[in-house]
Amino acid sequence: MLQPPHAALQRLSINGCFKFVSFLGGLAAPKLTHLDVSWCSKMKALPRDMNTLLPNLHTLNIQGCTEIGQLQEGDLPSNLKELSVAGCKQQVSDLSWMANLEELTHLTIDGRDCDSVKSFPEVGLLPHLPSLTTLHLFFLEYLETLECNKLFHLTSLKTLRFYECPKLKNMAGENLPSSLSLLEIIYCDLLGELCKNKHPDIWPKIAHISTIKVNGQQIV
């Protein structure tokens, strides 16, 4: 019986390959656990049939691959644990494609160059992620409002971190998830000041969180 062409491959990083377009014939690597594809500006798509060809993929980093088309539910392995998406406008603006990732524990959304994201998450665009414990939101330059009610179904969420979201100042809806134990706000000056001053529009939504830090300074 023939072995898959990359039977022993466990980690793969493709970085700055500006002429790389696609994984011709897919990527058959049953032992691959980590895949990093960064700054491949002409790449059109991730490997096909990842659910079957990459059954042990646990960590996926997609960064600066602006030509990747909109992902669909089921495109990624359902047992993925860690996912980072950066500088990919279509993927960041609509997260509904993550609906099958029930084992995902860590999610990083890096919104650089995504000028359409003014509230997070948009209605119906963040699926139920029952295992998610850590959510990082980075470089969402135009983000103004955090929709608390749209995060409330993340019942395992423990850490929520914002970094370089300079316009973020609103928290709409009720409280953030009761499971949260750490809220960290870094270089988000508007929201940071509101939290430090315990503003009445913000503080009741976060007061239950045991540790709140603003630029490294713990205020609770």
C-alpha atoms as a PDB file:
ATOM      1  CA  MET A   1       0.000   0.000   0.000  1.00  0.00           C
ATOM      2  CA  LEU A   2       1.426   3.371  -1.008  1.00  0.00           C
ATOM      3  CA  GLN A   3       2.235   5.855   1.744  1.00  0.00           C
ATOM      4  CA  PRO A   4       0.933   9.448   1.458  1.00  0.00           C
ATOM      5  CA  PRO A   5       3.619  11.657  -0.142  1.00  0.00           C
ATOM      6  CA  HIS A   6       4.236  13.540   3.124  1.00  0.00           C
ATOM      7  CA  ALA A   7       3.584  10.721   5.588  1.00  0.00           C
ATOM      8  CA  ALA A   8       6.196  11.817   8.165  1.00  0.00           C
ATOM      9  CA  LEU A   9       5.675  15.595   7.961  1.00  0.00           C
ATOM     10  CA  GLN A  10       4.624  17.110  11.318  1.00  0.00           C
ATOM     11  CA  ARG A  11       5.164  20.862  10.917  1.00  0.00           C
ATOM     12  CA  LEU A  12       5.068  23.042   7.794  1.00  0.00           C
ATOM     13  CA  SER A  13       5.748  26.761   7.441  1.00  0.00           C
ATOM     14  CA  ILE A  14       5.431  28.631   4.144  1.00  0.00           C
ATOM     15  CA  ASN A  15       6.448  32.254   4.606  1.00  0.00           C
ATOM     16  CA  GLY A  16       6.907  35.061   2.091  1.00  0.00           C
ATOM     17  CA  CYS A  17       6.528  32.918  -1.024  1.00  0.00           C
ATOM     18  CA  PHE A  18       5.096  35.635  -3.233  1.00  0.00           C
ATOM     19  CA  LYS A  19       4.687  33.352  -6.268  1.00  0.00           C
ATOM     20  CA  PHE A  20       3.014  30.504  -4.385  1.00  0.00           C
ATOM     21  CA  VAL A  21      -0.560  30.079  -5.669  1.00  0.00           C
ATOM     22  CA  SER A  22      -1.981  26.765  -4.423  1.00  0.00           C
ATOM     23  CA  PHE A  23      -1.349  23.285  -3.043  1.00  0.00           C
ATOM     24  CA  LEU A  24      -1.664  21.365  -6.302  1.00  0.00           C
ATOM     25  CA  GLY A  25      -3.303  18.015  -5.629  1.00  0.00           C
ATOM     26  CA  GLY A  26      -3.907  18.886  -1.975  1.00  0.00           C
ATOM     27  CA  LEU A  27      -1.611  18.156   0.954  1.00  0.00           C
ATOM     28  CA  ALA A  28      -1.685  14.555   2.171  1.00  0.00           C
ATOM     29  CA  ALA A  29       0.125  14.707   5.521  1.00  0.00           C
ATOM     30  CA  PRO A  30      -1.649  12.554   8.132  1.00  0.00           C
ATOM     31  CA  LYS A  31       0.843  13.428  10.911  1.00  0.00           C
ATOM     32  CA  LEU A  32       0.900  17.180  10.284  1.00  0.00           C
ATOM     33  CA  THR A  33      -0.024  19.038  13.479  1.00  0.00           C
ATOM     34  CA  HIS A  34       1.074  22.630  12.706  1.00  0.00           C
ATOM     35  CA  LEU A  35       0.580  24.588   9.476  1.00  0.00           C
ATOM     36  CA  ASP A  36       1.721  28.200   9.046  1.00  0.00           C
ATOM     37  CA  VAL A  37       1.057  30.034   5.775  1.00  0.00           C
ATOM     38  CA  SER A  38       2.145  33.686   5.925  1.00  0.00           C
ATOM     39  CA  TRP A  39       2.585  36.523   3.443  1.00  0.00           C
ATOM     40  CA  CYS A  40       1.871  34.471   0.352  1.00  0.00           C
ATOM     41  CA  SER A  41       0.096  37.301  -1.420  1.00  0.00           C
ATOM     42  CA  LYS A  42      -0.918  35.276  -4.510  1.00  0.00           C
ATOM     43  CA  MET A  43      -2.161  32.156  -2.761  1.00  0.00           C
ATOM     44  CA  LYS A  44      -5.772  31.501  -3.760  1.00  0.00           C
ATOM     45  CA  ALA A  45      -6.823  28.699  -1.399  1.00  0.00           C
ATOM     46  CA  LEU A  46      -5.831  26.517   1.534  1.00  0.00           C
ATOM     47  CA  PRO A  47      -5.233  22.809   0.890  1.00  0.00           C
ATOM     48  CA  ARG A  48      -8.381  20.984  -0.206  1.00  0.00           C
ATOM     49  CA  ASP A  49      -9.969  18.157   1.797  1.00  0.00           C
ATOM     50  CA  MET A  50      -8.160  19.160   4.986  1.00  0.00           C
ATOM     51  CA  ASN A  51     -10.612  17.170   7.099  1.00  0.00           C
ATOM     52  CA  THR A  52      -9.448  13.922   5.515  1.00  0.00           C
ATOM     53  CA  LEU A  53      -5.912  14.712   4.318  1.00  0.00           C
ATOM     54  CA  LEU A  54      -4.824  16.536   7.522  1.00  0.00           C
ATOM     55  CA  PRO A  55      -6.684  14.608  10.262  1.00  0.00           C
ATOM     56  CA  ASN A  56      -4.243  15.580  13.053  1.00  0.00           C
ATOM     57  CA  LEU A  57      -3.896  19.281  12.302  1.00  0.00           C
ATOM     58  CA  HIS A  58      -4.192  21.106  15.634  1.00  0.00           C
ATOM     59  CA  THR A  59      -2.667  24.538  14.902  1.00  0.00           C
ATOM     60  CA  LEU A  60      -3.265  26.730  11.848  1.00  0.00           C
ATOM     61  CA  ASN A  61      -1.869  30.212  11.234  1.00  0.00           C
ATOM     62  CA  ILE A  62      -3.008  32.154   8.156  1.00  0.00           C
ATOM     63  CA  GLN A  63      -1.439  35.596   7.822  1.00  0.00           C
ATOM     64  CA  GLY A  64      -1.296  38.163   5.043  1.00  0.00           C
ATOM     65  CA  CYS A  65      -2.752  35.870   2.365  1.00  0.00           C
ATOM     66  CA  THR A  66      -5.116  38.456   0.946  1.00  0.00           C
ATOM     67  CA  GLU A  67      -6.210  36.482  -2.126  1.00  0.00           C
ATOM     68  CA  ILE A  68      -7.684  33.501  -0.251  1.00  0.00           C
ATOM     69  CA  GLY A  69     -11.387  33.258  -1.043  1.00  0.00           C
ATOM     70  CA  GLN A  70     -14.085  33.118   1.607  1.00  0.00           C
ATOM     71  CA  LEU A  71     -13.842  29.904   3.618  1.00  0.00           C
ATOM     72  CA  GLN A  72     -16.913  27.744   4.148  1.00  0.00           C
ATOM     73  CA  GLU A  73     -18.059  25.670   7.094  1.00  0.00           C
ATOM     74  CA  GLY A  74     -16.233  22.331   7.003  1.00  0.00           C
ATOM     75  CA  ASP A  75     -13.182  23.600   5.104  1.00  0.00           C
ATOM     76  CA  LEU A  76     -10.995  23.185   8.210  1.00  0.00           C
ATOM     77  CA  PRO A  77     -10.441  20.022  10.278  1.00  0.00           C
ATOM     78  CA  SER A  78     -13.084  19.783  12.978  1.00  0.00           C
ATOM     79  CA  ASN A  79     -10.506  18.846  15.651  1.00  0.00           C
ATOM     80  CA  LEU A  80      -8.473  22.056  15.188  1.00  0.00           C
ATOM     81  CA  LYS A  81      -7.350  23.455  18.560  1.00  0.00           C
ATOM     82  CA  GLU A  82      -5.606  26.752  17.759  1.00  0.00           C
ATOM     83  CA  LEU A  83      -6.415  29.136  14.911  1.00  0.00           C
ATOM     84  CA  SER A  84      -4.883  32.497  14.021  1.00  0.00           C
ATOM     85  CA  VAL A  85      -6.182  34.590  11.128  1.00  0.00           C
ATOM     86  CA  ALA A  86      -4.430  37.845  10.255  1.00  0.00           C
ATOM     87  CA  GLY A  87      -4.713  40.315   7.401  1.00  0.00           C
ATOM     88  CA  CYS A  88      -7.220  38.201   5.478  1.00  0.00           C
ATOM     89  CA  LYS A  89     -10.152  40.562   4.989  1.00  0.00           C
ATOM     90  CA  GLN A  90     -12.782  38.068   3.864  1.00  0.00           C
ATOM     91  CA  GLN A  91     -12.058  35.648   6.703  1.00  0.00           C
ATOM     92  CA  VAL A  92     -12.039  38.332   9.419  1.00  0.00           C
ATOM     93  CA  SER A  93     -15.222  40.124   8.380  1.00  0.00           C
ATOM     94  CA  ASP A  94     -17.359  36.941   8.397  1.00  0.00           C
ATOM     95  CA  LEU A  95     -16.527  34.189  10.908  1.00  0.00           C
ATOM     96  CA  SER A  96     -19.446  31.874  10.183  1.00  0.00           C
ATOM     97  CA  TRP A  97     -17.060  29.437   8.468  1.00  0.00           C
ATOM     98  CA  MET A  98     -15.824  28.356  11.935  1.00  0.00           C
ATOM     99  CA  ALA A  99     -19.111  26.657  12.790  1.00  0.00           C
ATOM    100  CA  ASN A 100     -17.670  23.109  12.807  1.00  0.00           C
ATOM    101  CA  LEU A 101     -14.696  23.907  15.071  1.00  0.00           C
ATOM    102  CA  GLU A 102     -16.150  22.517  18.289  1.00  0.00           C
ATOM    103  CA  GLU A 103     -12.721  21.609  19.729  1.00  0.00           C
ATOM    104  CA  LEU A 104     -11.134  25.021  19.104  1.00  0.00           C
ATOM    105  CA  THR A 105      -9.606  26.424  22.320  1.00  0.00           C
ATOM    106  CA  HIS A 106      -7.528  29.418  21.121  1.00  0.00           C
ATOM    107  CA  LEU A 107      -8.614  31.949  18.499  1.00  0.00           C
ATOM    108  CA  THR A 108      -6.676  35.024  17.346  1.00  0.00           C
ATOM    109  CA  ILE A 109      -8.297  37.525  14.998  1.00  0.00           C
ATOM    110  CA  ASP A 110      -5.846  40.097  13.613  1.00  0.00           C
ATOM    111  CA  GLY A 111      -7.771  42.740  11.694  1.00  0.00           C
ATOM    112  CA  ARG A 112      -5.029  44.770  10.061  1.00  0.00           C
ATOM    113  CA  ASP A 113      -6.212  46.085   6.660  1.00  0.00           C
ATOM    114  CA  CYS A 114      -9.828  45.154   7.518  1.00  0.00           C
ATOM    115  CA  ASP A 115     -11.559  48.521   7.493  1.00  0.00           C
ATOM    116  CA  SER A 116     -15.092  47.053   7.447  1.00  0.00           C
ATOM    117  CA  VAL A 117     -15.066  45.674  11.014  1.00  0.00           C
ATOM    118  CA  LYS A 118     -16.640  48.340  13.235  1.00  0.00           C
ATOM    119  CA  SER A 119     -18.427  46.030  15.653  1.00  0.00           C
ATOM    120  CA  PHE A 120     -17.455  42.552  16.841  1.00  0.00           C
ATOM    121  CA  PRO A 121     -18.917  40.123  16.352  1.00  0.00           C
ATOM    122  CA  GLU A 122     -21.519  41.036  13.769  1.00  0.00           C
ATOM    123  CA  VAL A 123     -24.963  39.453  14.210  1.00  0.00           C
ATOM    124  CA  GLY A 124     -24.852  35.733  13.471  1.00  0.00           C
ATOM    125  CA  LEU A 125     -21.236  35.750  12.331  1.00  0.00           C
ATOM    126  CA  LEU A 126     -19.543  34.167  15.362  1.00  0.00           C
ATOM    127  CA  PRO A 127     -20.659  30.545  15.717  1.00  0.00           C
ATOM    128  CA  HIS A 128     -20.985  28.604  18.942  1.00  0.00           C
ATOM    129  CA  LEU A 129     -17.456  27.532  19.902  1.00  0.00           C
ATOM    130  CA  PRO A 130     -18.068  25.429  23.027  1.00  0.00           C
ATOM    131  CA  SER A 131     -14.409  24.721  23.837  1.00  0.00           C
ATOM    132  CA  LEU A 132     -12.992  28.221  23.236  1.00  0.00           C
ATOM    133  CA  THR A 133     -11.014  29.422  26.268  1.00  0.00           C
ATOM    134  CA  THR A 134      -8.901  32.228  24.753  1.00  0.00           C
ATOM    135  CA  LEU A 135      -9.914  34.977  22.325  1.00  0.00           C
ATOM    136  CA  HIS A 136      -7.423  37.572  21.106  1.00  0.00           C
ATOM    137  CA  LEU A 137      -8.533  40.567  19.009  1.00  0.00           C
ATOM    138  CA  PHE A 138      -5.574  42.434  17.531  1.00  0.00           C
ATOM    139  CA  PHE A 139      -5.130  45.476  15.260  1.00  0.00           C
ATOM    140  CA  LEU A 140      -8.832  46.063  14.620  1.00  0.00           C
ATOM    141  CA  GLU A 141      -8.173  49.674  13.736  1.00  0.00           C
ATOM    142  CA  TYR A 142     -11.802  50.609  12.997  1.00  0.00           C
ATOM    143  CA  LEU A 143     -13.483  48.560  15.726  1.00  0.00           C
ATOM    144  CA  GLU A 144     -15.762  50.762  17.856  1.00  0.00           C
ATOM    145  CA  THR A 145     -18.159  48.380  19.605  1.00  0.00           C
ATOM    146  CA  LEU A 146     -17.908  45.018  21.335  1.00  0.00           C
ATOM    147  CA  GLU A 147     -21.226  43.163  21.132  1.00  0.00           C
ATOM    148  CA  CYS A 148     -21.307  41.485  24.546  1.00  0.00           C
ATOM    149  CA  ASN A 149     -24.493  39.539  23.854  1.00  0.00           C
ATOM    150  CA  LYS A 150     -22.887  37.902  20.817  1.00  0.00           C
ATOM    151  CA  LEU A 151     -20.066  36.555  23.024  1.00  0.00           C
ATOM    152  CA  PHE A 152     -22.302  35.305  25.817  1.00  0.00           C
ATOM    153  CA  HIS A 153     -22.644  31.847  24.260  1.00  0.00           C
ATOM    154  CA  LEU A 154     -18.861  31.297  24.596  1.00  0.00           C
ATOM    155  CA  THR A 155     -19.401  29.503  27.874  1.00  0.00           C
ATOM    156  CA  SER A 156     -15.801  28.216  28.243  1.00  0.00           C
ATOM    157  CA  LEU A 157     -14.119  31.573  27.555  1.00  0.00           C
ATOM    158  CA  LYS A 158     -11.559  32.479  30.234  1.00  0.00           C
ATOM    159  CA  THR A 159      -9.257  35.034  28.568  1.00  0.00           C
ATOM    160  CA  LEU A 160     -10.237  37.976  26.367  1.00  0.00           C
ATOM    161  CA  ARG A 161      -7.439  40.195  25.107  1.00  0.00           C
ATOM    162  CA  PHE A 162      -7.590  43.387  22.997  1.00  0.00           C
ATOM    163  CA  TYR A 163      -4.468  44.858  21.405  1.00  0.00           C
ATOM    164  CA  GLU A 164      -4.230  48.032  19.289  1.00  0.00           C
ATOM    165  CA  CYS A 165      -7.939  48.716  18.826  1.00  0.00           C
ATOM    166  CA  PRO A 166      -7.688  52.527  19.131  1.00  0.00           C
ATOM    167  CA  LYS A 167     -11.362  53.350  18.422  1.00  0.00           C
ATOM    168  CA  LEU A 168     -12.917  50.740  20.682  1.00  0.00           C
ATOM    169  CA  LYS A 169     -15.065  52.503  23.277  1.00  0.00           C
ATOM    170  CA  ASN A 170     -18.464  50.804  23.444  1.00  0.00           C
ATOM    171  CA  MET A 171     -19.748  47.585  24.966  1.00  0.00           C
ATOM    172  CA  ALA A 172     -23.262  46.868  23.731  1.00  0.00           C
ATOM    173  CA  GLY A 173     -25.691  44.491  25.409  1.00  0.00           C
ATOM    174  CA  GLU A 174     -25.411  42.811  28.789  1.00  0.00           C
ATOM    175  CA  ASN A 175     -22.400  41.316  30.582  1.00  0.00           C
ATOM    176  CA  LEU A 176     -19.489  39.491  29.070  1.00  0.00           C
ATOM    177  CA  PRO A 177     -19.478  35.697  29.701  1.00  0.00           C
ATOM    178  CA  SER A 178     -19.480  34.723  33.384  1.00  0.00           C
ATOM    179  CA  SER A 179     -16.664  32.238  32.702  1.00  0.00           C
ATOM    180  CA  LEU A 180     -14.148  35.048  32.006  1.00  0.00           C
ATOM    181  CA  SER A 181     -11.322  35.334  34.527  1.00  0.00           C
ATOM    182  CA  LEU A 182      -8.950  37.659  32.603  1.00  0.00           C
ATOM    183  CA  LEU A 183      -9.682  40.758  30.523  1.00  0.00           C
ATOM    184  CA  GLU A 184      -6.587  42.438  29.109  1.00  0.00           C
ATOM    185  CA  ILE A 185      -6.656  45.747  27.222  1.00  0.00           C
ATOM    186  CA  ILE A 186      -3.418  46.866  25.553  1.00  0.00           C
ATOM    187  CA  TYR A 187      -3.016  50.106  23.559  1.00  0.00           C
ATOM    188  CA  CYS A 188      -6.787  50.612  23.321  1.00  0.00           C
ATOM    189  CA  ASP A 189      -6.745  54.030  24.959  1.00  0.00           C
ATOM    190  CA  LEU A 190     -10.445  54.870  24.817  1.00  0.00           C
ATOM    191  CA  LEU A 191     -11.666  51.599  26.313  1.00  0.00           C
ATOM    192  CA  GLY A 192      -8.731  51.451  28.706  1.00  0.00           C
ATOM    193  CA  GLU A 193      -9.602  54.808  30.268  1.00  0.00           C
ATOM    194  CA  LEU A 194     -13.283  53.888  30.588  1.00  0.00           C
ATOM    195  CA  CYS A 195     -12.329  50.693  32.412  1.00  0.00           C
ATOM    196  CA  LYS A 196      -9.852  52.394  34.726  1.00  0.00           C
ATOM    197  CA  ASN A 197     -12.451  55.044  35.614  1.00  0.00           C
ATOM    198  CA  LYS A 198     -15.147  52.368  36.080  1.00  0.00           C
ATOM    199  CA  HIS A 199     -17.460  54.162  33.702  1.00  0.00           C
ATOM    200  CA  PRO A 200     -21.132  53.293  34.411  1.00  0.00           C
ATOM    201  CA  ASP A 201     -21.758  52.247  30.795  1.00  0.00           C
ATOM    202  CA  ILE A 202     -18.842  49.790  30.863  1.00  0.00           C
ATOM    203  CA  TRP A 203     -18.082  48.667  34.405  1.00  0.00           C
ATOM    204  CA  PRO A 204     -21.284  46.687  35.133  1.00  0.00           C
ATOM    205  CA  LYS A 205     -20.549  44.504  32.089  1.00  0.00           C
ATOM    206  CA  ILE A 206     -17.054  43.523  33.293  1.00  0.00           C
ATOM    207  CA  ALA A 207     -17.095  43.863  37.101  1.00  0.00           C
ATOM    208  CA  HIS A 208     -17.504  40.092  37.555  1.00  0.00           C
ATOM    209  CA  ILE A 209     -14.116  39.395  35.893  1.00  0.00           C
ATOM    210  CA  SER A 210     -11.540  38.583  38.580  1.00  0.00           C
ATOM    211  CA  THR A 211      -8.516  40.100  36.775  1.00  0.00           C
ATOM    212  CA  ILE A 212      -8.677  43.181  34.543  1.00  0.00           C
ATOM    213  CA  LYS A 213      -5.466  44.690  33.163  1.00  0.00           C
ATOM    214  CA  VAL A 214      -4.941  47.886  31.173  1.00  0.00           C
ATOM    215  CA  ASN A 215      -1.511  48.196  29.528  1.00  0.00           C
ATOM    216  CA  GLY A 216      -0.109  45.694  31.991  1.00  0.00           C
ATOM    217  CA  GLN A 217      -1.493  47.452  35.067  1.00  0.00           C
ATOM    218  CA  GLN A 218      -3.973  45.420  37.028  1.00  0.00           C
ATOM    219  CA  ILE A 219      -7.020  47.464  38.037  1.00  0.00           C
ATOM    220  CA  VAL A 220      -8.873  44.572  39.670  1.00  0.00           C
END
